[in-house]
Amino acid sequence: MSHKTLNLDLAKTPILKSIVYGRIGDEDMQTVTVNITSRDTPVDLTGFTITFEGITSGGQTKVFDVDGISSTATGLKAGKFDYTFPNMAFAVAGNYEIAYFSIVKGDKRDTTGEFDIIVDGNADIDAPLAETIITEYNKLVKELHQITDKYISDSDAKFADLNKKIADLQTKITQYQNTVKNTADTAVSTINTTKDSAVSTVNSTASSAVKTINDALEEFKKGDFYTKAEADAKFATGQSLTDLSTKVIANKGNLASGTDLDNVIDIGTYRIGGLTGGTDIINVPSERSGITIYAYLTVNGTTTSVV
């Protein structure tokens, strides 16, 4: 493993370039120590993202690498770090078109002066073709994949939980539907039973009533009733009902004050309008004596007797 120190300045003042040598196929064995200054003053690299940026011979490969950077807090404070070149940095034989380091913090970016990289060939005719490597980009892609995988994993778990909740809810809905159906069936059965009982009771009652009426009609038919002629012959006395029906009890008007009721013998109806019993009207019932009387007196009878 070779080790080299590179002194690079952000001012990019033209000085004798440092040279790094490698060979196609070298892998993680080329490490350099880098000191970064600004006009010969060490630069505090704390919080900066440090990237190796280079273009291989003929522009065949572009290398943007942050994974090879290693340092300590003390080293960064002094502007010092180590860098190990990746395998693909030595994938193309020849001199690099350009090579340098960049430092970035927030929206601030600066770059060092250039240094040379010379890559020698090897005897392996099956060496891999050169390709662009951008480790910072690859890290972001890897992180994005990890986030995506985690999201998918979490989504699968949430989806499974949601499916379980839906299944539980469906089970409860089915149970509820069965409960409602059983309750409804019971209610319908009760209603039908009550209806049948009521119809039976009504039919029984109606049949009983009809029988009672029919029995009464039969008894009525069997009855031994008098005809009008038979009734007249059996119950009429010296005066027939026809003769009595012609008698009219006439309105005789008001009785005068001083009238003796025993002397009122003409058949008819008399009005007693506010006369005092025992004073204005004589021979009234004893409980009416001394009481103002409003009443009607009816006299009826025959030519031989008066009531």
C-alpha atoms as a PDB file:
ATOM      1  CA  MET A   1       0.000   0.000   0.000  1.00  0.00           C
ATOM      2  CA  SER A   2       1.433   3.339  -1.046  1.00  0.00           C
ATOM      3  CA  HIS A   3       0.919   6.481   0.977  1.00  0.00           C
ATOM      4  CA  LYS A   4       1.393  10.030  -0.251  1.00  0.00           C
ATOM      5  CA  THR A   5       0.707  13.497   1.147  1.00  0.00           C
ATOM      6  CA  LEU A   6      -0.994  16.133  -1.018  1.00  0.00           C
ATOM      7  CA  ASN A   7      -0.850  19.812  -0.036  1.00  0.00           C
ATOM      8  CA  LEU A   8      -3.694  21.576  -1.880  1.00  0.00           C
ATOM      9  CA  ASP A   9      -4.722  25.222  -1.631  1.00  0.00           C
ATOM     10  CA  LEU A  10      -8.198  26.669  -2.220  1.00  0.00           C
ATOM     11  CA  ALA A  11      -6.595  29.746  -3.812  1.00  0.00           C
ATOM     12  CA  LYS A  12      -5.578  27.489  -6.735  1.00  0.00           C
ATOM     13  CA  THR A  13      -2.282  29.368  -7.130  1.00  0.00           C
ATOM     14  CA  PRO A  14      -0.237  27.603  -9.873  1.00  0.00           C
ATOM     15  CA  ILE A  15       2.476  25.534  -8.198  1.00  0.00           C
ATOM     16  CA  LEU A  16       4.219  22.291  -8.962  1.00  0.00           C
ATOM     17  CA  LYS A  17       1.484  19.661  -9.128  1.00  0.00           C
ATOM     18  CA  SER A  18       1.600  16.584  -6.949  1.00  0.00           C
ATOM     19  CA  ILE A  19       1.339  13.248  -8.779  1.00  0.00           C
ATOM     20  CA  VAL A  20      -0.509  10.080  -7.734  1.00  0.00           C
ATOM     21  CA  TYR A  21       0.394   6.862  -9.529  1.00  0.00           C
ATOM     22  CA  GLY A  22      -1.864   3.828  -9.932  1.00  0.00           C
ATOM     23  CA  ARG A  23      -2.507   0.828 -12.112  1.00  0.00           C
ATOM     24  CA  ILE A  24      -5.662  -0.625 -13.592  1.00  0.00           C
ATOM     25  CA  GLY A  25      -7.140  -3.035 -11.069  1.00  0.00           C
ATOM     26  CA  ASP A  26      -5.715  -1.371  -7.937  1.00  0.00           C
ATOM     27  CA  GLU A  27      -8.468  -1.523  -5.317  1.00  0.00           C
ATOM     28  CA  ASP A  28      -8.655   0.301  -1.964  1.00  0.00           C
ATOM     29  CA  MET A  29      -4.838   0.310  -1.667  1.00  0.00           C
ATOM     30  CA  GLN A  30      -4.046   3.862  -2.766  1.00  0.00           C
ATOM     31  CA  THR A  31      -4.498   6.208   0.211  1.00  0.00           C
ATOM     32  CA  VAL A  32      -3.309   9.806   0.296  1.00  0.00           C
ATOM     33  CA  THR A  33      -3.195  12.319   3.157  1.00  0.00           C
ATOM     34  CA  VAL A  34      -4.565  15.703   2.094  1.00  0.00           C
ATOM     35  CA  ASN A  35      -3.846  19.064   3.716  1.00  0.00           C
ATOM     36  CA  ILE A  36      -6.133  21.865   2.556  1.00  0.00           C
ATOM     37  CA  THR A  37      -5.173  25.501   3.048  1.00  0.00           C
ATOM     38  CA  SER A  38      -6.375  28.854   1.881  1.00  0.00           C
ATOM     39  CA  ARG A  39      -3.332  30.948   0.951  1.00  0.00           C
ATOM     40  CA  ASP A  40      -1.229  28.672   3.133  1.00  0.00           C
ATOM     41  CA  THR A  41      -3.614  28.930   6.114  1.00  0.00           C
ATOM     42  CA  PRO A  42      -5.233  25.627   7.238  1.00  0.00           C
ATOM     43  CA  VAL A  43      -8.989  25.501   6.535  1.00  0.00           C
ATOM     44  CA  ASP A  44     -11.401  24.269   9.205  1.00  0.00           C
ATOM     45  CA  LEU A  45     -13.348  21.529   7.371  1.00  0.00           C
ATOM     46  CA  THR A  46     -15.734  20.794  10.238  1.00  0.00           C
ATOM     47  CA  GLY A  47     -19.276  20.294   8.849  1.00  0.00           C
ATOM     48  CA  PHE A  48     -18.149  20.289   5.207  1.00  0.00           C
ATOM     49  CA  THR A  49     -18.875  17.497   2.712  1.00  0.00           C
ATOM     50  CA  ILE A  50     -15.573  16.610   1.041  1.00  0.00           C
ATOM     51  CA  THR A  51     -15.669  15.013  -2.443  1.00  0.00           C
ATOM     52  CA  PHE A  52     -12.964  13.751  -4.801  1.00  0.00           C
ATOM     53  CA  GLU A  53     -13.851  14.859  -8.327  1.00  0.00           C
ATOM     54  CA  GLY A  54     -11.971  13.660 -11.403  1.00  0.00           C
ATOM     55  CA  ILE A  55     -12.204  12.805 -15.097  1.00  0.00           C
ATOM     56  CA  THR A  56     -10.116   9.921 -16.407  1.00  0.00           C
ATOM     57  CA  SER A  57      -8.128   9.789 -19.613  1.00  0.00           C
ATOM     58  CA  GLY A  58     -10.181  10.605 -22.676  1.00  0.00           C
ATOM     59  CA  GLY A  59     -13.143  11.552 -20.464  1.00  0.00           C
ATOM     60  CA  GLN A  60     -14.139   7.915 -20.259  1.00  0.00           C
ATOM     61  CA  THR A  61     -14.938   8.005 -16.546  1.00  0.00           C
ATOM     62  CA  LYS A  62     -16.159  10.701 -14.195  1.00  0.00           C
ATOM     63  CA  VAL A  63     -15.478  10.047 -10.544  1.00  0.00           C
ATOM     64  CA  PHE A  64     -17.321  11.871  -7.752  1.00  0.00           C
ATOM     65  CA  ASP A  65     -16.530  10.057  -4.515  1.00  0.00           C
ATOM     66  CA  VAL A  66     -17.198  10.838  -0.833  1.00  0.00           C
ATOM     67  CA  ASP A  67     -16.979   7.283   0.524  1.00  0.00           C
ATOM     68  CA  GLY A  68     -13.140   7.272   0.455  1.00  0.00           C
ATOM     69  CA  ILE A  69     -12.877  10.276   2.822  1.00  0.00           C
ATOM     70  CA  SER A  70     -11.872   9.552   6.424  1.00  0.00           C
ATOM     71  CA  SER A  71     -10.724  11.858   9.211  1.00  0.00           C
ATOM     72  CA  THR A  72     -11.118  12.877  12.827  1.00  0.00           C
ATOM     73  CA  ALA A  73     -12.615  15.964  14.438  1.00  0.00           C
ATOM     74  CA  THR A  74      -9.125  17.205  15.202  1.00  0.00           C
ATOM     75  CA  GLY A  75      -7.936  16.483  11.684  1.00  0.00           C
ATOM     76  CA  LEU A  76     -10.899  18.289  10.097  1.00  0.00           C
ATOM     77  CA  LYS A  77     -10.303  21.273  12.372  1.00  0.00           C
ATOM     78  CA  ALA A  78      -6.770  21.429  10.979  1.00  0.00           C
ATOM     79  CA  GLY A  79      -7.921  20.938   7.360  1.00  0.00           C
ATOM     80  CA  LYS A  80      -6.532  17.405   7.189  1.00  0.00           C
ATOM     81  CA  PHE A  81      -8.066  14.120   6.022  1.00  0.00           C
ATOM     82  CA  ASP A  82      -7.213  10.825   4.319  1.00  0.00           C
ATOM     83  CA  TYR A  83      -8.579   9.657   1.002  1.00  0.00           C
ATOM     84  CA  THR A  84      -8.559   6.079  -0.399  1.00  0.00           C
ATOM     85  CA  PHE A  85      -9.140   5.798  -4.132  1.00  0.00           C
ATOM     86  CA  PRO A  86     -11.886   3.362  -5.226  1.00  0.00           C
ATOM     87  CA  ASN A  87     -11.293   0.588  -7.776  1.00  0.00           C
ATOM     88  CA  MET A  88     -13.096   2.457 -10.546  1.00  0.00           C
ATOM     89  CA  ALA A  89     -10.809   5.449 -10.091  1.00  0.00           C
ATOM     90  CA  PHE A  90      -8.136   3.257 -11.731  1.00  0.00           C
ATOM     91  CA  ALA A  91     -10.287   1.773 -14.490  1.00  0.00           C
ATOM     92  CA  VAL A  92      -8.807   3.679 -17.427  1.00  0.00           C
ATOM     93  CA  ALA A  93      -5.104   3.765 -18.340  1.00  0.00           C
ATOM     94  CA  GLY A  94      -3.542   7.141 -18.981  1.00  0.00           C
ATOM     95  CA  ASN A  95      -3.375  10.558 -17.397  1.00  0.00           C
ATOM     96  CA  TYR A  96      -6.461  12.064 -15.707  1.00  0.00           C
ATOM     97  CA  GLU A  97      -7.889  15.018 -17.553  1.00  0.00           C
ATOM     98  CA  ILE A  98      -8.461  16.730 -14.188  1.00  0.00           C
ATOM     99  CA  ALA A  99      -8.467  15.819 -10.478  1.00  0.00           C
ATOM    100  CA  TYR A 100      -9.174  17.900  -7.334  1.00  0.00           C
ATOM    101  CA  PHE A 101     -11.258  17.942  -4.107  1.00  0.00           C
ATOM    102  CA  SER A 102     -14.393  20.008  -3.446  1.00  0.00           C
ATOM    103  CA  ILE A 103     -15.786  21.134  -0.071  1.00  0.00           C
ATOM    104  CA  VAL A 104     -19.483  21.985   0.374  1.00  0.00           C
ATOM    105  CA  LYS A 105     -21.463  23.318   3.330  1.00  0.00           C
ATOM    106  CA  GLY A 106     -25.052  24.494   2.731  1.00  0.00           C
ATOM    107  CA  ASP A 107     -24.950  26.808  -0.293  1.00  0.00           C
ATOM    108  CA  LYS A 108     -21.201  27.348  -0.026  1.00  0.00           C
ATOM    109  CA  ARG A 109     -18.805  25.446  -2.331  1.00  0.00           C
ATOM    110  CA  ASP A 110     -15.123  25.690  -3.040  1.00  0.00           C
ATOM    111  CA  THR A 111     -12.458  23.531  -4.749  1.00  0.00           C
ATOM    112  CA  THR A 112      -8.746  22.886  -4.338  1.00  0.00           C
ATOM    113  CA  GLY A 113      -5.996  23.267  -6.834  1.00  0.00           C
ATOM    114  CA  GLU A 114      -5.473  20.344  -9.233  1.00  0.00           C
ATOM    115  CA  PHE A 115      -3.150  17.367  -8.919  1.00  0.00           C
ATOM    116  CA  ASP A 116      -2.148  14.708 -11.468  1.00  0.00           C
ATOM    117  CA  ILE A 117      -3.147  11.042 -11.509  1.00  0.00           C
ATOM    118  CA  ILE A 118      -1.328   8.656 -13.820  1.00  0.00           C
ATOM    119  CA  VAL A 119      -2.826   5.174 -14.317  1.00  0.00           C
ATOM    120  CA  ASP A 120      -0.676   2.467 -15.812  1.00  0.00           C
ATOM    121  CA  GLY A 121      -2.073  -0.418 -17.806  1.00  0.00           C
ATOM    122  CA  ASN A 122      -1.881  -4.094 -16.881  1.00  0.00           C
ATOM    123  CA  ALA A 123      -1.748  -7.482 -18.631  1.00  0.00           C
ATOM    124  CA  ASP A 124      -5.416  -8.309 -17.934  1.00  0.00           C
ATOM    125  CA  ILE A 125      -7.227  -7.939 -21.217  1.00  0.00           C
ATOM    126  CA  ASP A 126     -10.508  -8.651 -19.444  1.00  0.00           C
ATOM    127  CA  ALA A 127     -10.306  -5.614 -17.196  1.00  0.00           C
ATOM    128  CA  PRO A 128     -13.788  -4.103 -16.594  1.00  0.00           C
ATOM    129  CA  LEU A 129     -14.866  -1.235 -18.761  1.00  0.00           C
ATOM    130  CA  ALA A 130     -14.669   2.192 -17.187  1.00  0.00           C
ATOM    131  CA  GLU A 131     -17.861   3.716 -15.848  1.00  0.00           C
ATOM    132  CA  THR A 132     -18.819   6.859 -14.074  1.00  0.00           C
ATOM    133  CA  ILE A 133     -18.980   6.537 -10.303  1.00  0.00           C
ATOM    134  CA  ILE A 134     -20.689   9.144  -8.201  1.00  0.00           C
ATOM    135  CA  THR A 135     -20.668   7.846  -4.670  1.00  0.00           C
ATOM    136  CA  GLU A 136     -22.645  10.730  -3.214  1.00  0.00           C
ATOM    137  CA  TYR A 137     -25.351  10.133  -5.803  1.00  0.00           C
ATOM    138  CA  ASN A 138     -25.161   6.387  -5.190  1.00  0.00           C
ATOM    139  CA  LYS A 139     -25.491   6.992  -1.453  1.00  0.00           C
ATOM    140  CA  LEU A 140     -28.603   9.063  -2.041  1.00  0.00           C
ATOM    141  CA  VAL A 141     -30.017   6.381  -4.345  1.00  0.00           C
ATOM    142  CA  LYS A 142     -29.211   3.716  -1.745  1.00  0.00           C
ATOM    143  CA  GLU A 143     -30.831   5.823   0.981  1.00  0.00           C
ATOM    144  CA  LEU A 144     -33.862   6.385  -1.241  1.00  0.00           C
ATOM    145  CA  HIS A 145     -34.123   2.625  -1.815  1.00  0.00           C
ATOM    146  CA  GLN A 146     -33.896   2.025   1.916  1.00  0.00           C
ATOM    147  CA  ILE A 147     -36.595   4.609   2.601  1.00  0.00           C
ATOM    148  CA  THR A 148     -38.748   3.109  -0.159  1.00  0.00           C
ATOM    149  CA  ASP A 149     -38.236  -0.425   1.159  1.00  0.00           C
ATOM    150  CA  LYS A 150     -39.103   0.703   4.682  1.00  0.00           C
ATOM    151  CA  TYR A 151     -42.166   2.568   3.415  1.00  0.00           C
ATOM    152  CA  ILE A 152     -43.293  -0.518   1.487  1.00  0.00           C
ATOM    153  CA  SER A 153     -42.647  -2.689   4.552  1.00  0.00           C
ATOM    154  CA  ASP A 154     -44.553  -0.274   6.788  1.00  0.00           C
ATOM    155  CA  SER A 155     -47.317   0.008   4.194  1.00  0.00           C
ATOM    156  CA  ASP A 156     -47.585  -3.786   4.027  1.00  0.00           C
ATOM    157  CA  ALA A 157     -47.904  -3.905   7.809  1.00  0.00           C
ATOM    158  CA  LYS A 158     -50.469  -1.094   7.811  1.00  0.00           C
ATOM    159  CA  PHE A 159     -52.338  -2.720   4.932  1.00  0.00           C
ATOM    160  CA  ALA A 160     -52.392  -6.058   6.774  1.00  0.00           C
ATOM    161  CA  ASP A 161     -53.645  -4.289   9.915  1.00  0.00           C
ATOM    162  CA  LEU A 162     -56.278  -2.456   7.858  1.00  0.00           C
ATOM    163  CA  ASN A 163     -57.394  -5.735   6.275  1.00  0.00           C
ATOM    164  CA  LYS A 164     -57.687  -7.275   9.734  1.00  0.00           C
ATOM    165  CA  LYS A 165     -59.782  -4.344  10.954  1.00  0.00           C
ATOM    166  CA  ILE A 166     -62.001  -4.607   7.866  1.00  0.00           C
ATOM    167  CA  ALA A 167     -62.402  -8.371   8.429  1.00  0.00           C
ATOM    168  CA  ASP A 168     -63.273  -7.774  12.106  1.00  0.00           C
ATOM    169  CA  LEU A 169     -65.756  -5.101  11.101  1.00  0.00           C
ATOM    170  CA  GLN A 170     -67.316  -7.402   8.498  1.00  0.00           C
ATOM    171  CA  THR A 171     -67.650 -10.111  11.162  1.00  0.00           C
ATOM    172  CA  LYS A 172     -69.399  -7.664  13.512  1.00  0.00           C
ATOM    173  CA  ILE A 173     -71.695  -6.511  10.696  1.00  0.00           C
ATOM    174  CA  THR A 174     -72.608 -10.139   9.928  1.00  0.00           C
ATOM    175  CA  GLN A 175     -73.265 -10.815  13.622  1.00  0.00           C
ATOM    176  CA  TYR A 176     -75.392  -7.690  13.821  1.00  0.00           C
ATOM    177  CA  GLN A 177     -77.325  -8.676  10.708  1.00  0.00           C
ATOM    178  CA  ASN A 178     -77.961 -12.139  12.182  1.00  0.00           C
ATOM    179  CA  THR A 179     -79.093 -10.588  15.479  1.00  0.00           C
ATOM    180  CA  VAL A 180     -81.433  -8.196  13.676  1.00  0.00           C
ATOM    181  CA  LYS A 181     -82.794 -11.046  11.517  1.00  0.00           C
ATOM    182  CA  ASN A 182     -83.374 -13.279  14.561  1.00  0.00           C
ATOM    183  CA  THR A 183     -85.085 -10.437  16.411  1.00  0.00           C
ATOM    184  CA  ALA A 184     -87.215  -9.636  13.382  1.00  0.00           C
ATOM    185  CA  ASP A 185     -88.104 -13.306  12.873  1.00  0.00           C
ATOM    186  CA  THR A 186     -89.079 -13.592  16.546  1.00  0.00           C
ATOM    187  CA  ALA A 187     -91.179 -10.423  16.315  1.00  0.00           C
ATOM    188  CA  VAL A 188     -92.920 -11.655  13.155  1.00  0.00           C
ATOM    189  CA  SER A 189     -93.560 -15.040  14.779  1.00  0.00           C
ATOM    190  CA  THR A 190     -95.017 -13.333  17.874  1.00  0.00           C
ATOM    191  CA  ILE A 191     -97.190 -11.076  15.725  1.00  0.00           C
ATOM    192  CA  ASN A 192     -98.445 -14.030  13.688  1.00  0.00           C
ATOM    193  CA  THR A 193     -99.208 -16.035  16.840  1.00  0.00           C
ATOM    194  CA  THR A 194    -101.038 -13.075  18.383  1.00  0.00           C
ATOM    195  CA  LYS A 195    -102.902 -12.485  15.145  1.00  0.00           C
ATOM    196  CA  ASP A 196    -103.923 -16.130  14.849  1.00  0.00           C
ATOM    197  CA  SER A 197    -105.036 -16.133  18.492  1.00  0.00           C
ATOM    198  CA  ALA A 198    -107.001 -12.918  18.000  1.00  0.00           C
ATOM    199  CA  VAL A 199    -108.657 -14.233  14.839  1.00  0.00           C
ATOM    200  CA  SER A 200    -109.478 -17.478  16.616  1.00  0.00           C
ATOM    201  CA  THR A 201    -110.941 -15.548  19.578  1.00  0.00           C
ATOM    202  CA  VAL A 202    -112.975 -13.281  17.298  1.00  0.00           C
ATOM    203  CA  ASN A 203    -114.219 -16.240  15.288  1.00  0.00           C
ATOM    204  CA  SER A 204    -115.124 -18.100  18.470  1.00  0.00           C
ATOM    205  CA  THR A 205    -116.849 -15.044  19.934  1.00  0.00           C
ATOM    206  CA  ALA A 206    -118.660 -14.338  16.687  1.00  0.00           C
ATOM    207  CA  SER A 207    -119.769 -17.958  16.431  1.00  0.00           C
ATOM    208  CA  SER A 208    -120.989 -17.837  20.022  1.00  0.00           C
ATOM    209  CA  ALA A 209    -122.876 -14.589  19.395  1.00  0.00           C
ATOM    210  CA  VAL A 210    -124.433 -15.935  16.230  1.00  0.00           C
ATOM    211  CA  LYS A 211    -125.463 -19.084  18.086  1.00  0.00           C
ATOM    212  CA  THR A 212    -126.983 -17.013  20.894  1.00  0.00           C
ATOM    213  CA  ILE A 213    -128.954 -14.920  18.400  1.00  0.00           C
ATOM    214  CA  ASN A 214    -130.065 -17.993  16.490  1.00  0.00           C
ATOM    215  CA  ASP A 215    -131.132 -19.679  19.718  1.00  0.00           C
ATOM    216  CA  ALA A 216    -133.069 -16.552  20.726  1.00  0.00           C
ATOM    217  CA  LEU A 217    -134.758 -16.451  17.337  1.00  0.00           C
ATOM    218  CA  GLU A 218    -135.685 -20.083  17.669  1.00  0.00           C
ATOM    219  CA  GLU A 219    -137.116 -19.424  21.130  1.00  0.00           C
ATOM    220  CA  PHE A 220    -138.956 -16.410  19.759  1.00  0.00           C
ATOM    221  CA  LYS A 221    -140.421 -18.532  17.004  1.00  0.00           C
ATOM    222  CA  LYS A 222    -141.623 -21.013  19.586  1.00  0.00           C
ATOM    223  CA  GLY A 223    -143.271 -18.254  21.702  1.00  0.00           C
ATOM    224  CA  ASP A 224    -147.101 -18.384  22.254  1.00  0.00           C
ATOM    225  CA  PHE A 225    -148.194 -14.753  21.704  1.00  0.00           C
ATOM    226  CA  TYR A 226    -151.701 -13.241  21.664  1.00  0.00           C
ATOM    227  CA  THR A 227    -153.089 -11.646  18.551  1.00  0.00           C
ATOM    228  CA  LYS A 228    -154.577  -8.124  18.861  1.00  0.00           C
ATOM    229  CA  ALA A 229    -158.088  -9.494  18.776  1.00  0.00           C
ATOM    230  CA  GLU A 230    -157.163 -12.037  21.470  1.00  0.00           C
ATOM    231  CA  ALA A 231    -155.541  -9.340  23.617  1.00  0.00           C
ATOM    232  CA  ASP A 232    -158.567  -6.989  23.244  1.00  0.00           C
ATOM    233  CA  ALA A 233    -160.924  -9.793  24.135  1.00  0.00           C
ATOM    234  CA  LYS A 234    -158.803 -10.867  27.134  1.00  0.00           C
ATOM    235  CA  PHE A 235    -157.835  -7.514  28.693  1.00  0.00           C
ATOM    236  CA  ALA A 236    -160.364  -4.860  27.546  1.00  0.00           C
ATOM    237  CA  THR A 237    -163.091  -4.016  30.170  1.00  0.00           C
ATOM    238  CA  GLY A 238    -166.344  -2.177  29.751  1.00  0.00           C
ATOM    239  CA  GLN A 239    -164.639   0.440  27.628  1.00  0.00           C
ATOM    240  CA  SER A 240    -162.524  -0.636  24.678  1.00  0.00           C
ATOM    241  CA  LEU A 241    -158.967   0.551  23.994  1.00  0.00           C
ATOM    242  CA  THR A 242    -160.327   2.241  20.926  1.00  0.00           C
ATOM    243  CA  ASP A 243    -162.709   4.313  23.042  1.00  0.00           C
ATOM    244  CA  LEU A 244    -159.902   5.226  25.470  1.00  0.00           C
ATOM    245  CA  SER A 245    -157.676   6.289  22.619  1.00  0.00           C
ATOM    246  CA  THR A 246    -160.120   9.051  21.726  1.00  0.00           C
ATOM    247  CA  LYS A 247    -159.954  10.637  25.175  1.00  0.00           C
ATOM    248  CA  VAL A 248    -157.767  13.758  25.197  1.00  0.00           C
ATOM    249  CA  ILE A 249    -156.386  15.283  28.358  1.00  0.00           C
ATOM    250  CA  ALA A 250    -156.850  18.993  27.583  1.00  0.00           C
ATOM    251  CA  ASN A 251    -154.740  21.932  28.880  1.00  0.00           C
ATOM    252  CA  LYS A 252    -156.933  23.748  31.438  1.00  0.00           C
ATOM    253  CA  GLY A 253    -154.542  26.657  32.046  1.00  0.00           C
ATOM    254  CA  ASN A 254    -153.327  28.102  35.370  1.00  0.00           C
ATOM    255  CA  LEU A 255    -155.005  27.395  38.731  1.00  0.00           C
ATOM    256  CA  ALA A 256    -156.155  30.515  40.521  1.00  0.00           C
ATOM    257  CA  SER A 257    -155.028  31.509  44.021  1.00  0.00           C
ATOM    258  CA  GLY A 258    -157.303  30.026  46.690  1.00  0.00           C
ATOM    259  CA  THR A 259    -158.137  26.906  44.654  1.00  0.00           C
ATOM    260  CA  ASP A 260    -158.943  23.765  46.666  1.00  0.00           C
ATOM    261  CA  LEU A 261    -157.305  20.858  44.834  1.00  0.00           C
ATOM    262  CA  ASP A 262    -160.028  18.458  46.016  1.00  0.00           C
ATOM    263  CA  ASN A 263    -162.569  20.503  44.057  1.00  0.00           C
ATOM    264  CA  VAL A 264    -160.663  20.290  40.739  1.00  0.00           C
ATOM    265  CA  ILE A 265    -162.560  17.457  38.979  1.00  0.00           C
ATOM    266  CA  ASP A 266    -162.630  18.436  35.307  1.00  0.00           C
ATOM    267  CA  ILE A 267    -160.375  16.087  33.312  1.00  0.00           C
ATOM    268  CA  GLY A 268    -157.280  17.925  31.989  1.00  0.00           C
ATOM    269  CA  THR A 269    -153.886  19.406  32.871  1.00  0.00           C
ATOM    270  CA  TYR A 270    -153.565  22.443  35.167  1.00  0.00           C
ATOM    271  CA  ARG A 271    -150.511  24.624  35.841  1.00  0.00           C
ATOM    272  CA  ILE A 272    -149.572  25.743  39.326  1.00  0.00           C
ATOM    273  CA  GLY A 273    -147.377  28.791  38.756  1.00  0.00           C
ATOM    274  CA  GLY A 274    -145.578  29.887  41.942  1.00  0.00           C
ATOM    275  CA  LEU A 275    -148.479  29.584  44.426  1.00  0.00           C
ATOM    276  CA  THR A 276    -147.868  28.808  48.106  1.00  0.00           C
ATOM    277  CA  GLY A 277    -149.079  25.390  49.266  1.00  0.00           C
ATOM    278  CA  GLY A 278    -151.644  25.529  52.097  1.00  0.00           C
ATOM    279  CA  THR A 279    -152.258  29.266  51.569  1.00  0.00           C
ATOM    280  CA  ASP A 280    -152.741  30.012  47.891  1.00  0.00           C
ATOM    281  CA  ILE A 281    -153.487  26.341  47.088  1.00  0.00           C
ATOM    282  CA  ILE A 282    -155.559  24.288  49.531  1.00  0.00           C
ATOM    283  CA  ASN A 283    -155.273  20.540  50.225  1.00  0.00           C
ATOM    284  CA  VAL A 284    -151.737  20.100  48.874  1.00  0.00           C
ATOM    285  CA  PRO A 285    -149.554  17.247  50.205  1.00  0.00           C
ATOM    286  CA  SER A 286    -148.348  18.124  53.716  1.00  0.00           C
ATOM    287  CA  GLU A 287    -144.663  18.314  52.648  1.00  0.00           C
ATOM    288  CA  ARG A 288    -145.627  21.091  50.170  1.00  0.00           C
ATOM    289  CA  SER A 289    -147.453  23.228  52.764  1.00  0.00           C
ATOM    290  CA  GLY A 290    -145.855  26.675  53.042  1.00  0.00           C
ATOM    291  CA  ILE A 291    -143.668  26.099  49.969  1.00  0.00           C
ATOM    292  CA  THR A 292    -143.950  27.984  46.686  1.00  0.00           C
ATOM    293  CA  ILE A 293    -145.014  25.425  44.115  1.00  0.00           C
ATOM    294  CA  TYR A 294    -144.302  25.250  40.394  1.00  0.00           C
ATOM    295  CA  ALA A 295    -145.983  22.139  39.008  1.00  0.00           C
ATOM    296  CA  TYR A 296    -148.642  20.580  36.778  1.00  0.00           C
ATOM    297  CA  LEU A 297    -151.804  18.906  38.098  1.00  0.00           C
ATOM    298  CA  THR A 298    -153.264  16.168  35.872  1.00  0.00           C
ATOM    299  CA  VAL A 299    -156.901  15.054  36.335  1.00  0.00           C
ATOM    300  CA  ASN A 300    -158.053  11.970  34.462  1.00  0.00           C
ATOM    301  CA  GLY A 301    -160.728   9.316  34.811  1.00  0.00           C
ATOM    302  CA  THR A 302    -164.134   8.386  33.419  1.00  0.00           C
ATOM    303  CA  THR A 303    -167.586   9.845  33.745  1.00  0.00           C
ATOM    304  CA  THR A 304    -168.003   8.027  37.042  1.00  0.00           C
ATOM    305  CA  SER A 305    -164.620   8.496  38.733  1.00  0.00           C
ATOM    306  CA  VAL A 306    -161.947  11.148  38.848  1.00  0.00           C
ATOM    307  CA  VAL A 307    -158.253  10.698  39.822  1.00  0.00           C
END
